[in-house]
Amino acid sequence: MVTSSNVPRLVIAAPSSGSGKTTVATGLMAAFSERGLAVSPHKAGPDYIDPGYHALATGRPGRNLDAFMCGPELVAPLFAHGAAGCDLAVVEGVMGLYDGAAGRGELASTAQVAKLLRAPVVLVVDASSQSRSVAALVHGFASFDPQVRLGGVILNKVGSDRHEVMLREALEEAGMPVLGVLRRAPQVAAPSRHLGLVPVAERRADALAAVAALADQVRQGCDLDALMALARTAPPLSADAWSASQADEARGPQLSPGPRPVVAVAGGAAFTFSYAEHAELLTAAGAEVVTFDPLRDEALPEGTTGLVIGGGFPEVYAPELSANEPLREAVAHFAAQGGPVAAECAGLLYLARSLDGKPMCGVLDADARMSERLTLGYREAVAVSDSALAPTGTRLRGHEFHRTVIEPGAGAAPAWGFTHPERRVEGFVQQGVHASYLHTHWAAEPSVAFRFARAAAAGR
């Protein structure tokens, strides 16, 4: 039965990257949360880092809405799942409003997500180098796609009172409401490095202070009442809320009777990239999910029968990861015994023989190093080897996002064959190990989680 979600909602977009979407979206989430509202945070696209700041601002898991990896049909259900019972939902966009997957039209763009959610859009404009021209810019974005409802503008990096007056006059002529004006405030900017913002887990105290400062900046510069009123104009959204426990068609054979298999999931500062739905799916599949920190813990959690090592920044922590020899040996032993291991990107590097010359777990006969080249983009992939995650022939969409290389790039039994935008094989499958650079979203193919849980259960 299709249910209806009446959660007020806003999509925070911009003409281009670097305009201030994260500043505004995170500040709004925090400011509304301070008012006592339950705010549901979302991020369009595959990015893992921004949702960490969103979670800090709201006290709720930051969730991604990616129409490429999960398909447009799952955007509304995943939104309804995350926003259930909330007073407001704020969706931070990706890149420019109309930018999506390369060569795929609007697919995975902020505009497509806004249309799928029937949500009004607030455009964040970097006004630092313009005055009256802002009206032409905003008019173009408002008229480009009549199905995208642009409800107002927040002006960022405004230089002075006089500058603000000129901008407001221009937008008034264009009939576009100004819902906020933010002055330049570098003191609340989050630090960045080679893959974007520094994750919350690496700077929690500073991140808390930054989010509080963003809330204060947005509270002072934005009309929160007008923004809430705009959010309430979103019509009811008819969609079945996604549920991990209801993915019945993907479960396959139920787990055999016995204790729940323990799936250890790497966390801490070095492994911060994970979609919330992965743990929810593993739990629904019957596993007990336990987090451990490879920087600090010298042993895997007691009773571990499955191991998930997701993305993050092991290159930043290579010396510390290498120094934790007891855990490296425990991981190597677990893999050598045939235990199921799912490793994505950072996990791939951790399983390698070395990373930038520092010894890693040595599970894979490969060496990794930092590179000057950024590898970034969506991928269409097919499993080319049977593994604990997927049988041969399973098709998934994912993304790559790294500045490292591993040599060789694929083992004797590769993990994936990429079919778009280029053809190549990638990753490693050996015994119970599935290791690859490809980030995937298991909500798109829940059978992955249930297959992995069954593999973990076999080792009880």
Protein backbone atom coordinates (compact mmCIF):
# COMPACT_ATOMS: atom_id res chain seq x y z
CA MET A 1 0.00 0.00 0.00
CA VAL A 2 1.36 3.41 -0.98
CA THR A 3 1.60 5.77 1.97
CA SER A 4 1.67 9.55 1.97
CA SER A 5 4.42 11.66 3.56
CA ASN A 6 3.51 15.20 4.58
CA VAL A 7 6.90 16.13 6.00
CA PRO A 8 7.73 19.78 5.14
CA ARG A 9 10.88 19.84 3.05
CA LEU A 10 13.42 22.05 1.31
CA VAL A 11 16.15 21.35 -1.23
CA ILE A 12 19.21 23.58 -0.86
CA ALA A 13 20.83 24.05 -4.27
CA ALA A 14 23.31 26.39 -5.96
CA PRO A 15 24.42 27.48 -9.43
CA SER A 16 27.73 25.67 -8.96
CA SER A 17 29.95 23.92 -6.44
CA GLY A 18 31.63 26.22 -3.94
CA SER A 19 28.64 28.55 -3.60
CA GLY A 20 27.96 27.65 0.03
CA LYS A 21 25.40 24.82 -0.06
CA THR A 22 26.98 22.91 2.82
CA THR A 23 27.29 26.06 4.91
CA VAL A 24 23.64 26.96 4.43
CA ALA A 25 22.20 23.44 4.61
CA THR A 26 24.13 22.49 7.75
CA GLY A 27 23.40 25.86 9.36
CA LEU A 28 19.68 25.51 8.64
CA MET A 29 19.60 21.98 10.01
CA ALA A 30 21.29 23.12 13.22
CA ALA A 31 19.22 26.30 13.58
CA PHE A 32 15.92 24.49 13.17
CA SER A 33 17.08 21.71 15.50
CA GLU A 34 17.83 24.35 18.12
CA ARG A 35 14.19 25.39 17.85
CA GLY A 36 13.24 21.92 19.05
CA LEU A 37 12.26 20.54 15.65
CA ALA A 38 13.11 17.02 14.56
CA VAL A 39 15.07 17.69 11.38
CA SER A 40 15.77 14.94 8.86
CA PRO A 41 19.10 15.52 7.02
CA HIS A 42 19.69 14.35 3.46
CA LYS A 43 22.37 14.75 0.79
CA ALA A 44 21.82 14.42 -2.95
CA GLY A 45 24.55 12.39 -4.60
CA PRO A 46 27.11 9.92 -3.28
CA ASP A 47 29.12 12.16 -0.92
CA TYR A 48 29.86 10.66 2.51
CA ILE A 49 31.47 13.63 4.24
CA ASP A 50 28.69 16.25 4.25
CA PRO A 51 26.21 13.83 5.88
CA GLY A 52 28.60 13.59 8.85
CA TYR A 53 28.16 17.31 9.46
CA HIS A 54 24.42 16.98 8.90
CA ALA A 55 24.24 14.26 11.55
CA LEU A 56 26.15 16.46 13.96
CA ALA A 57 23.68 19.31 13.32
CA THR A 58 20.54 17.24 13.79
CA GLY A 59 21.38 14.25 15.97
CA ARG A 60 19.98 11.96 13.25
CA PRO A 61 21.79 9.83 10.62
CA GLY A 62 22.71 11.78 7.50
CA ARG A 63 21.26 9.94 4.52
CA ASN A 64 22.05 10.05 0.81
CA LEU A 65 19.59 10.27 -2.06
CA ASP A 66 21.39 9.13 -5.20
CA ALA A 67 19.28 8.57 -8.29
CA PHE A 68 22.17 7.02 -10.21
CA MET A 69 23.25 4.39 -7.70
CA CYS A 70 19.80 3.56 -6.32
CA GLY A 71 17.60 4.52 -9.27
CA PRO A 72 15.07 7.37 -9.38
CA GLU A 73 12.37 5.02 -8.10
CA LEU A 74 14.10 4.68 -4.70
CA VAL A 75 14.68 8.40 -4.03
CA ALA A 76 11.23 9.08 -2.54
CA PRO A 77 11.07 5.80 -0.54
CA LEU A 78 14.53 6.37 0.96
CA PHE A 79 13.57 9.95 1.78
CA ALA A 80 10.34 8.81 3.44
CA HIS A 81 12.28 6.24 5.45
CA GLY A 82 14.71 8.83 6.80
CA ALA A 83 12.15 11.59 7.33
CA ALA A 84 9.49 9.51 9.07
CA GLY A 85 8.18 11.30 12.16
CA CYS A 86 10.19 14.48 11.53
CA ASP A 87 9.00 18.08 11.54
CA LEU A 88 11.20 19.18 8.65
CA ALA A 89 13.55 17.66 6.08
CA VAL A 90 16.48 19.53 4.53
CA VAL A 91 18.15 18.11 1.42
CA GLU A 92 21.56 19.46 0.44
CA GLY A 93 22.11 19.33 -3.31
CA VAL A 94 25.16 18.26 -5.30
CA MET A 95 27.25 20.44 -7.65
CA GLY A 96 25.12 22.93 -9.61
CA LEU A 97 21.33 22.57 -9.56
CA TYR A 98 21.12 20.97 -13.01
CA ASP A 99 24.43 19.04 -12.96
CA GLY A 100 24.08 15.25 -12.92
CA ALA A 101 25.76 12.09 -14.13
CA ALA A 102 27.97 12.87 -17.12
CA GLY A 103 26.16 12.36 -20.40
CA ARG A 104 22.92 11.28 -18.69
CA GLY A 105 20.87 14.48 -18.80
CA GLU A 106 19.26 15.28 -15.46
CA LEU A 107 19.99 11.87 -13.91
CA ALA A 108 21.33 12.22 -10.34
CA SER A 109 21.09 16.01 -10.42
CA THR A 110 19.73 18.09 -7.57
CA ALA A 111 16.94 19.19 -9.91
CA GLN A 112 15.85 15.59 -10.47
CA VAL A 113 15.86 14.87 -6.72
CA ALA A 114 13.77 18.02 -6.10
CA LYS A 115 11.23 16.92 -8.70
CA LEU A 116 11.06 13.38 -7.34
CA LEU A 117 10.44 14.80 -3.85
CA ARG A 118 8.06 17.53 -5.10
CA ALA A 119 10.12 19.88 -2.94
CA PRO A 120 10.68 23.64 -3.27
CA VAL A 121 14.25 24.69 -4.00
CA VAL A 122 16.24 27.42 -2.27
CA LEU A 123 19.13 28.66 -4.42
CA VAL A 124 22.32 29.65 -2.58
CA VAL A 125 24.14 32.27 -4.67
CA ASP A 126 27.74 33.38 -4.16
CA ALA A 127 27.16 37.11 -4.64
CA SER A 128 30.72 38.19 -3.91
CA SER A 129 31.47 39.38 -7.47
CA GLN A 130 28.13 40.61 -8.78
CA SER A 131 25.26 42.98 -8.10
CA ARG A 132 22.37 43.45 -10.57
CA SER A 133 23.54 40.48 -12.64
CA VAL A 134 22.31 38.23 -9.84
CA ALA A 135 18.77 38.74 -11.15
CA ALA A 136 19.68 37.39 -14.60
CA LEU A 137 21.46 34.42 -13.03
CA VAL A 138 18.54 33.53 -10.79
CA HIS A 139 16.00 34.08 -13.59
CA GLY A 140 17.87 31.60 -15.75
CA PHE A 141 17.88 28.93 -13.06
CA ALA A 142 14.21 29.54 -12.25
CA SER A 143 13.06 29.27 -15.87
CA PHE A 144 15.35 26.52 -17.18
CA ASP A 145 13.02 23.69 -16.08
CA PRO A 146 9.41 24.67 -15.27
CA GLN A 147 9.01 21.51 -13.16
CA VAL A 148 11.66 22.75 -10.71
CA ARG A 149 10.05 25.17 -8.27
CA LEU A 150 12.54 27.79 -7.14
CA GLY A 151 11.03 29.28 -4.00
CA GLY A 152 13.66 31.81 -3.01
CA VAL A 153 17.31 32.77 -2.77
CA ILE A 154 19.89 32.93 -0.01
CA LEU A 155 22.70 35.34 -0.86
CA ASN A 156 26.12 34.23 0.37
CA LYS A 157 29.38 36.17 0.80
CA VAL A 158 27.70 39.57 0.66
CA GLY A 159 30.29 42.28 1.16
CA SER A 160 28.48 45.26 2.72
CA ASP A 161 25.13 46.87 3.47
CA ARG A 162 25.26 48.73 0.16
CA HIS A 163 26.01 45.49 -1.70
CA GLU A 164 23.03 43.84 -0.02
CA VAL A 165 20.71 46.70 -1.04
CA MET A 166 21.73 46.39 -4.70
CA LEU A 167 21.25 42.63 -4.68
CA ARG A 168 17.83 42.86 -3.03
CA GLU A 169 16.66 45.53 -5.47
CA ALA A 170 17.67 43.41 -8.45
CA LEU A 171 15.94 40.30 -7.15
CA GLU A 172 12.83 42.27 -6.22
CA GLU A 173 12.60 43.38 -9.87
CA ALA A 174 12.85 39.72 -10.87
CA GLY A 175 10.12 38.75 -8.41
CA MET A 176 12.34 36.36 -6.48
CA PRO A 177 12.12 36.35 -2.65
CA VAL A 178 15.37 36.82 -0.71
CA LEU A 179 15.18 34.39 2.21
CA GLY A 180 18.58 35.12 3.68
CA VAL A 181 21.76 37.15 3.42
CA LEU A 182 25.05 35.83 4.75
CA ARG A 183 28.18 37.91 5.06
CA ARG A 184 31.66 36.54 4.55
CA ALA A 185 32.61 34.47 7.60
CA PRO A 186 35.77 32.41 7.01
CA GLN A 187 36.02 31.57 10.69
CA VAL A 188 33.24 28.98 10.33
CA ALA A 189 34.62 27.32 7.22
CA ALA A 190 35.46 23.63 7.63
CA PRO A 191 39.00 22.64 6.59
CA SER A 192 39.44 20.74 3.34
CA ARG A 193 42.07 18.45 1.82
CA HIS A 194 42.52 16.18 -1.20
CA LEU A 195 38.98 14.69 -1.22
CA GLY A 196 36.96 17.59 0.21
CA LEU A 197 36.03 18.51 3.77
CA VAL A 198 37.82 16.83 6.66
CA PRO A 199 35.32 14.32 8.12
CA VAL A 200 33.63 14.98 11.46
CA ALA A 201 35.23 11.92 13.06
CA GLU A 202 38.68 13.45 12.62
CA ARG A 203 37.86 16.80 14.25
CA ARG A 204 34.78 16.28 16.37
CA ALA A 205 35.35 19.08 18.87
CA ASP A 206 36.19 21.60 16.16
CA ALA A 207 33.32 20.32 14.01
CA LEU A 208 30.85 20.85 16.87
CA ALA A 209 32.07 24.42 17.24
CA ALA A 210 31.85 24.98 13.47
CA VAL A 211 28.28 23.66 13.30
CA ALA A 212 27.27 25.88 16.22
CA ALA A 213 28.81 28.87 14.45
CA LEU A 214 26.98 27.99 11.23
CA ALA A 215 23.70 27.79 13.14
CA ASP A 216 24.34 31.23 14.62
CA GLN A 217 25.25 32.69 11.23
CA VAL A 218 22.14 31.26 9.55
CA ARG A 219 19.88 32.24 12.45
CA GLN A 220 21.03 35.84 12.18
CA GLY A 221 21.05 36.05 8.38
CA CYS A 222 18.08 33.94 7.27
CA ASP A 223 14.33 34.25 7.70
CA LEU A 224 13.69 30.91 9.34
CA ASP A 225 9.94 31.49 9.55
CA ALA A 226 9.74 32.21 5.80
CA LEU A 227 11.87 29.14 5.04
CA MET A 228 9.63 26.95 7.18
CA ALA A 229 6.57 28.38 5.47
CA LEU A 230 8.10 27.54 2.10
CA ALA A 231 8.88 23.99 3.27
CA ARG A 232 5.23 23.55 4.24
CA THR A 233 4.13 24.28 0.67
CA ALA A 234 5.52 20.92 -0.45
CA PRO A 235 2.53 18.74 -1.38
CA PRO A 236 2.02 15.26 0.07
CA LEU A 237 4.57 12.78 -1.26
CA SER A 238 3.04 9.42 -2.15
CA ALA A 239 5.65 6.74 -1.61
CA ASP A 240 6.15 3.56 0.36
CA ALA A 241 8.88 4.27 2.90
CA TRP A 242 11.88 2.05 2.23
CA SER A 243 12.39 -0.59 4.92
CA ALA A 244 15.33 -2.91 5.36
CA SER A 245 13.16 -5.43 7.19
CA GLN A 246 10.66 -5.55 4.33
CA ALA A 247 13.14 -6.39 1.57
CA ASP A 248 11.59 -9.87 1.56
CA GLU A 249 12.13 -10.55 -2.11
CA ALA A 250 15.90 -10.15 -1.67
CA ARG A 251 16.34 -12.26 1.45
CA GLY A 252 16.64 -15.67 -0.13
CA PRO A 253 17.00 -18.57 2.33
CA GLN A 254 16.63 -17.56 5.95
CA LEU A 255 19.58 -17.88 8.30
CA SER A 256 19.84 -21.24 9.98
CA PRO A 257 18.96 -21.33 13.69
CA GLY A 258 21.67 -20.25 16.08
CA PRO A 259 23.34 -17.15 17.46
CA ARG A 260 23.23 -14.05 15.28
CA PRO A 261 26.43 -13.77 13.21
CA VAL A 262 28.65 -10.87 14.30
CA VAL A 263 29.57 -8.54 11.45
CA ALA A 264 32.39 -6.19 12.46
CA VAL A 265 32.29 -2.83 10.67
CA ALA A 266 35.41 -0.64 10.60
CA GLY A 267 34.89 2.87 11.95
CA GLY A 268 36.88 5.59 13.67
CA ALA A 269 38.75 8.44 12.03
CA ALA A 270 40.32 6.34 9.25
CA PHE A 271 37.11 4.67 8.04
CA THR A 272 34.29 7.20 8.02
CA PHE A 273 32.50 6.42 4.73
CA SER A 274 29.36 4.35 5.16
CA TYR A 275 25.72 4.58 4.15
CA ALA A 276 23.34 4.16 7.09
CA GLU A 277 21.21 1.67 5.17
CA HIS A 278 24.07 -0.86 5.02
CA ALA A 279 24.03 -1.51 8.76
CA GLU A 280 20.22 -1.51 8.72
CA LEU A 281 20.17 -4.15 5.99
CA LEU A 282 22.72 -6.34 7.77
CA THR A 283 20.66 -6.12 10.95
CA ALA A 284 17.48 -6.98 9.05
CA ALA A 285 19.31 -9.95 7.56
CA GLY A 286 19.88 -11.30 11.05
CA ALA A 287 23.40 -10.08 11.80
CA GLU A 288 24.66 -8.30 14.88
CA VAL A 289 26.58 -5.24 13.66
CA VAL A 290 29.50 -4.20 15.86
CA THR A 291 31.78 -1.24 15.11
CA PHE A 292 35.53 -1.32 15.75
CA ASP A 293 38.33 1.21 15.24
CA PRO A 294 41.42 -0.06 13.37
CA LEU A 295 43.41 2.85 14.80
CA ARG A 296 42.78 1.83 18.40
CA ASP A 297 41.46 -1.71 18.73
CA GLU A 298 44.05 -4.48 18.73
CA ALA A 299 41.60 -7.29 18.06
CA LEU A 300 38.42 -7.83 16.08
CA PRO A 301 35.19 -7.77 18.11
CA GLU A 302 34.56 -11.02 19.98
CA GLY A 303 32.85 -13.61 17.85
CA THR A 304 33.41 -11.83 14.53
CA THR A 305 32.27 -13.97 11.60
CA GLY A 306 32.02 -11.23 8.95
CA LEU A 307 34.11 -8.12 8.32
CA VAL A 308 33.12 -4.90 6.49
CA ILE A 309 35.81 -2.29 5.85
CA GLY A 310 34.37 0.69 4.02
CA GLY A 311 35.76 3.95 2.73
CA GLY A 312 37.73 6.66 4.44
CA PHE A 313 41.23 8.08 4.62
CA PRO A 314 43.74 5.32 5.44
CA GLU A 315 46.37 7.28 3.48
CA VAL A 316 46.19 9.99 6.16
CA TYR A 317 46.61 7.43 8.94
CA ALA A 318 48.94 4.93 7.26
CA PRO A 319 51.63 5.12 10.01
CA GLU A 320 49.08 4.58 12.80
CA LEU A 321 47.29 1.77 10.96
CA SER A 322 50.61 0.11 10.26
CA ALA A 323 51.71 0.45 13.88
CA ASN A 324 48.65 -1.52 15.05
CA GLU A 325 50.28 -4.81 14.15
CA PRO A 326 48.04 -7.02 16.35
CA LEU A 327 44.93 -5.96 14.47
CA ARG A 328 46.60 -6.24 11.08
CA GLU A 329 47.54 -9.81 11.96
CA ALA A 330 44.00 -10.54 13.20
CA VAL A 331 42.51 -9.30 9.93
CA ALA A 332 45.00 -11.31 7.89
CA HIS A 333 44.25 -14.44 9.93
CA PHE A 334 40.49 -13.94 9.56
CA ALA A 335 40.82 -13.63 5.78
CA ALA A 336 43.20 -16.60 5.55
CA GLN A 337 40.60 -18.74 7.31
CA GLY A 338 38.08 -17.87 4.59
CA GLY A 339 36.05 -15.40 6.63
CA PRO A 340 33.82 -13.13 4.51
CA VAL A 341 35.32 -9.66 4.04
CA ALA A 342 33.71 -6.78 2.13
CA ALA A 343 36.21 -3.98 1.50
CA GLU A 344 35.52 -0.74 -0.40
CA CYS A 345 38.18 1.77 -1.40
CA ALA A 346 39.87 2.51 1.95
CA GLY A 347 39.24 -1.11 2.92
CA LEU A 348 40.96 -2.21 -0.28
CA LEU A 349 44.06 -0.21 0.67
CA TYR A 350 44.04 -1.57 4.22
CA LEU A 351 44.01 -5.15 2.92
CA ALA A 352 46.96 -4.48 0.60
CA ARG A 353 50.52 -5.50 1.32
CA SER A 354 51.57 -1.87 1.79
CA LEU A 355 50.28 1.69 1.58
CA ASP A 356 52.84 4.40 0.78
CA GLY A 357 55.53 1.97 1.88
CA LYS A 358 53.90 1.23 5.25
CA PRO A 359 52.98 -2.41 5.92
CA MET A 360 49.23 -3.08 5.88
CA CYS A 361 47.34 -6.34 6.40
CA GLY A 362 48.94 -8.21 3.52
CA VAL A 363 45.73 -10.00 2.57
CA LEU A 364 46.15 -8.93 -1.06
CA ASP A 365 49.29 -9.37 -3.11
CA ALA A 366 49.24 -5.69 -4.10
CA ASP A 367 50.73 -2.37 -3.05
CA ALA A 368 48.98 1.02 -2.84
CA ARG A 369 50.25 4.57 -2.94
CA MET A 370 49.04 8.14 -3.18
CA SER A 371 48.68 9.62 -6.66
CA GLU A 372 48.41 13.10 -8.15
CA ARG A 373 45.41 11.99 -10.20
CA LEU A 374 41.87 12.18 -8.83
CA THR A 375 39.70 9.26 -9.90
CA LEU A 376 36.09 10.36 -9.61
CA GLY A 377 32.86 9.33 -11.26
CA TYR A 378 29.88 7.04 -11.47
CA ARG A 379 30.40 3.50 -12.73
CA GLU A 380 28.18 0.73 -14.06
CA ALA A 381 29.55 -2.62 -12.98
CA VAL A 382 28.91 -6.33 -13.25
CA ALA A 383 30.31 -8.94 -10.86
CA VAL A 384 32.78 -11.09 -12.78
CA SER A 385 33.63 -13.51 -9.94
CA ASP A 386 31.42 -15.26 -7.39
CA SER A 387 31.97 -13.73 -3.95
CA ALA A 388 30.48 -13.36 -0.49
CA LEU A 389 28.75 -10.22 -1.77
CA ALA A 390 27.35 -11.21 -5.13
CA PRO A 391 27.21 -14.05 -7.64
CA THR A 392 28.73 -13.62 -11.08
CA GLY A 393 26.52 -11.49 -13.29
CA THR A 394 25.12 -9.24 -10.56
CA ARG A 395 24.81 -5.69 -11.89
CA LEU A 396 25.29 -2.67 -9.65
CA ARG A 397 25.91 1.03 -10.06
CA GLY A 398 28.49 2.75 -7.88
CA HIS A 399 31.11 5.46 -7.78
CA GLU A 400 34.86 5.86 -7.45
CA PHE A 401 36.44 8.65 -5.44
CA HIS A 402 40.14 8.41 -4.62
CA ARG A 403 43.63 9.80 -5.14
CA THR A 404 45.42 6.51 -4.72
CA VAL A 405 46.40 3.67 -7.03
CA ILE A 406 46.90 0.00 -6.28
CA GLU A 407 49.21 -2.25 -8.30
CA PRO A 408 48.06 -4.53 -9.72
CA GLY A 409 44.60 -3.05 -10.11
CA ALA A 410 42.90 -6.43 -10.29
CA GLY A 411 43.59 -9.93 -9.05
CA ALA A 412 43.38 -13.28 -10.81
CA ALA A 413 39.66 -13.20 -9.98
CA PRO A 414 38.58 -9.54 -10.34
CA ALA A 415 35.67 -8.15 -8.35
CA TRP A 416 33.96 -6.04 -11.03
CA GLY A 417 33.91 -5.50 -14.73
CA PHE A 418 33.05 -1.89 -15.51
CA THR A 419 30.75 -1.45 -18.47
CA HIS A 420 30.38 2.35 -18.37
CA PRO A 421 31.93 4.85 -18.89
CA GLU A 422 34.92 2.63 -19.68
CA ARG A 423 35.52 -1.08 -19.95
CA ARG A 424 37.99 -2.61 -17.52
CA VAL A 425 38.16 -5.12 -14.69
CA GLU A 426 38.95 -4.05 -11.15
CA GLY A 427 39.32 -5.38 -7.63
CA PHE A 428 40.03 -8.72 -6.00
CA VAL A 429 38.03 -11.80 -5.06
CA GLN A 430 39.89 -14.51 -3.15
CA GLN A 431 38.50 -17.00 -0.64
CA GLY A 432 35.92 -14.92 1.27
CA VAL A 433 37.39 -11.53 0.37
CA HIS A 434 35.71 -9.03 -1.96
CA ALA A 435 37.89 -5.90 -2.25
CA SER A 436 37.40 -3.04 -4.70
CA TYR A 437 37.61 0.71 -5.19
CA LEU A 438 33.90 0.79 -6.08
CA HIS A 439 31.53 2.34 -3.54
CA THR A 440 28.03 0.85 -3.77
CA HIS A 441 24.70 1.52 -2.09
CA TRP A 442 23.22 -1.75 -0.90
CA ALA A 443 19.66 -0.40 -0.81
CA ALA A 444 19.78 -0.67 -4.61
CA GLU A 445 20.42 -4.43 -4.34
CA PRO A 446 19.51 -5.70 -0.84
CA SER A 447 20.48 -9.25 -1.81
CA VAL A 448 24.10 -8.13 -1.32
CA ALA A 449 23.56 -7.63 2.41
CA PHE A 450 21.58 -10.84 2.86
CA ARG A 451 24.15 -12.88 0.94
CA PHE A 452 26.94 -11.43 3.08
CA ALA A 453 25.00 -12.14 6.29
CA ARG A 454 24.51 -15.76 5.22
CA ALA A 455 28.25 -16.06 4.55
CA ALA A 456 28.93 -14.65 8.02
CA ALA A 457 26.41 -17.06 9.55
CA ALA A 458 28.23 -19.99 7.97
CA GLY A 459 31.25 -19.19 10.11
CA ARG A 460 29.42 -19.19 13.44
